[in-house]
C-alpha atoms as a PDB file:
ATOM      1  CA  MET A   1     -12.689   1.747  12.077  1.00  0.00           C
ATOM      2  CA  VAL A   2     -12.967  -1.986  12.580  1.00  0.00           C
ATOM      3  CA  PHE A   3     -14.644  -4.380  10.164  1.00  0.00           C
ATOM      4  CA  TYR A   4     -15.699  -7.937  10.920  1.00  0.00           C
ATOM      5  CA  ASN A   5     -16.089 -11.421   9.479  1.00  0.00           C
ATOM      6  CA  THR A   6     -15.292 -11.542   5.805  1.00  0.00           C
ATOM      7  CA  LYS A   7     -13.185 -13.831   3.648  1.00  0.00           C
ATOM      8  CA  ILE A   8     -10.511 -12.881   1.139  1.00  0.00           C
ATOM      9  CA  ALA A   9     -11.321 -13.477  -2.538  1.00  0.00           C
ATOM     10  CA  ALA A  10      -7.948 -12.397  -3.991  1.00  0.00           C
ATOM     11  CA  ILE A  11      -4.665 -10.703  -3.133  1.00  0.00           C
ATOM     12  CA  THR A  12      -3.048  -8.597  -5.857  1.00  0.00           C
ATOM     13  CA  ILE A  13       0.471  -7.208  -5.560  1.00  0.00           C
ATOM     14  CA  TYR A  14       1.038  -3.844  -7.249  1.00  0.00           C
ATOM     15  CA  ASP A  15       4.731  -3.009  -7.347  1.00  0.00           C
ATOM     16  CA  SER A  16       4.194   0.361  -9.026  1.00  0.00           C
ATOM     17  CA  TRP A  17       1.656   1.378  -6.362  1.00  0.00           C
ATOM     18  CA  ASN A  18       3.779  -0.047  -3.523  1.00  0.00           C
ATOM     19  CA  MET A  19       0.814  -1.862  -1.986  1.00  0.00           C
ATOM     20  CA  LEU A  20      -1.308  -4.993  -1.927  1.00  0.00           C
ATOM     21  CA  ILE A  21      -4.964  -4.875  -2.871  1.00  0.00           C
ATOM     22  CA  ILE A  22      -7.009  -7.369  -0.902  1.00  0.00           C
ATOM     23  CA  GLU A  23     -10.336  -8.179  -2.535  1.00  0.00           C
ATOM     24  CA  LEU A  24     -12.960  -9.326  -0.050  1.00  0.00           C
ATOM     25  CA  LYS A  25     -15.765 -11.808  -0.730  1.00  0.00           C
ATOM     26  CA  SER A  26     -18.341  -9.465   0.748  1.00  0.00           C
ATOM     27  CA  PRO A  27     -18.495  -5.695   1.277  1.00  0.00           C
ATOM     28  CA  VAL A  28     -17.509  -4.405   4.705  1.00  0.00           C
ATOM     29  CA  ALA A  29     -18.457  -1.242   6.534  1.00  0.00           C
ATOM     30  CA  THR A  30     -15.186   0.485   7.416  1.00  0.00           C
ATOM     31  CA  GLY A  31     -16.783   3.846   8.216  1.00  0.00           C
ATOM     32  CA  GLU A  32     -13.983   5.614   6.310  1.00  0.00           C
ATOM     33  CA  GLY A  33     -16.165   6.923   3.459  1.00  0.00           C
ATOM     34  CA  CYS A  34     -13.994   5.354   0.743  1.00  0.00           C
ATOM     35  CA  ALA A  35     -15.590   4.572  -2.632  1.00  0.00           C
ATOM     36  CA  LEU A  36     -14.866   0.829  -2.433  1.00  0.00           C
ATOM     37  CA  SER A  37     -16.200  -1.462   0.281  1.00  0.00           C
ATOM     38  CA  ASN A  38     -15.111  -4.856  -1.043  1.00  0.00           C
ATOM     39  CA  GLN A  39     -11.381  -4.074  -1.339  1.00  0.00           C
ATOM     40  CA  ILE A  40      -8.751  -2.813   1.095  1.00  0.00           C
ATOM     41  CA  VAL A  41      -5.080  -1.960   0.660  1.00  0.00           C
ATOM     42  CA  LEU A  42      -1.998  -2.793   2.687  1.00  0.00           C
ATOM     43  CA  GLN A  43       0.908  -0.402   2.115  1.00  0.00           C
ATOM     44  CA  LYS A  44       4.277  -2.116   1.635  1.00  0.00           C
ATOM     45  CA  ASN A  45       5.856   0.516   3.898  1.00  0.00           C
ATOM     46  CA  HIS A  46       3.596  -0.449   6.841  1.00  0.00           C
ATOM     47  CA  TYR A  47       5.861  -1.234   9.797  1.00  0.00           C
ATOM     48  CA  MET A  48       4.261  -4.691  10.197  1.00  0.00           C
ATOM     49  CA  PHE A  49       3.859  -5.449   6.485  1.00  0.00           C
ATOM     50  CA  LYS A  50       5.513  -8.887   6.593  1.00  0.00           C
ATOM     51  CA  GLU A  51       3.459 -10.080   9.553  1.00  0.00           C
ATOM     52  CA  MET A  52       0.193  -8.717   8.165  1.00  0.00           C
ATOM     53  CA  TYR A  53       0.854 -10.121   4.686  1.00  0.00           C
ATOM     54  CA  ALA A  54       1.623 -13.539   6.192  1.00  0.00           C
ATOM     55  CA  ALA A  55      -1.618 -13.457   8.194  1.00  0.00           C
ATOM     56  CA  LEU A  56      -3.660 -12.345   5.164  1.00  0.00           C
ATOM     57  CA  LEU A  57      -2.108 -14.980   2.915  1.00  0.00           C
ATOM     58  CA  SER A  58      -2.786 -17.684   5.523  1.00  0.00           C
ATOM     59  CA  ALA A  59      -6.404 -16.568   5.878  1.00  0.00           C
ATOM     60  CA  PHE A  60      -6.804 -16.528   2.094  1.00  0.00           C
ATOM     61  CA  LEU A  61      -5.371 -20.013   1.623  1.00  0.00           C
ATOM     62  CA  ALA A  62      -7.384 -21.471   4.513  1.00  0.00           C
ATOM     63  CA  GLN A  63     -10.498 -19.444   3.594  1.00  0.00           C
ATOM     64  CA  THR A  64     -10.995 -18.353   7.191  1.00  0.00           C
ATOM     65  CA  MET A  65     -12.799 -15.210   8.286  1.00  0.00           C
ATOM     66  CA  ILE A  66     -10.824 -12.036   8.941  1.00  0.00           C
ATOM     67  CA  SER A  67     -11.564  -8.931  10.973  1.00  0.00           C
ATOM     68  CA  SER A  68      -9.340  -5.875  10.978  1.00  0.00           C
ATOM     69  CA  TRP A  69      -9.015  -2.085  11.173  1.00  0.00           C
ATOM     70  CA  ALA A  70      -9.073   0.446   8.352  1.00  0.00           C
ATOM     71  CA  ASN A  71      -8.005   4.062   8.721  1.00  0.00           C
ATOM     72  CA  GLY A  72      -8.444   6.595   5.933  1.00  0.00           C
ATOM     73  CA  CYS A  73      -8.529   6.089   2.185  1.00  0.00           C
ATOM     74  CA  ASN A  74      -5.859   5.619  -0.453  1.00  0.00           C
ATOM     75  CA  GLY A  75      -7.752   6.839  -3.502  1.00  0.00           C
ATOM     76  CA  SER A  76     -10.894   4.704  -3.491  1.00  0.00           C
ATOM     77  CA  TYR A  77      -9.457   2.020  -1.193  1.00  0.00           C
ATOM     78  CA  PRO A  78      -9.646   1.845   2.621  1.00  0.00           C
ATOM     79  CA  ASN A  79      -6.161   1.576   4.240  1.00  0.00           C
ATOM     80  CA  LEU A  80      -5.598  -1.542   6.313  1.00  0.00           C
ATOM     81  CA  THR A  81      -3.853  -0.538   9.529  1.00  0.00           C
ATOM     82  CA  ARG A  82      -4.249  -3.471  11.984  1.00  0.00           C
END
């Protein structure tokens, strides 16, 4: 499900979890039923990881709004897919 117009508060790299946790400045409605609504994860094995990480890092540094897609949950976190 798509979510709209939020800014990134922090990006945390977890090597043991093989993912990034992206903390958002405001909760988003992903429609996935995950426990957390102000954080999303990007799996390092995502086929477009480098491109998505670059876009997220740019948005974080510039403090611009992001919109994206989440699909399913990884524990309590929505999975970022697009």
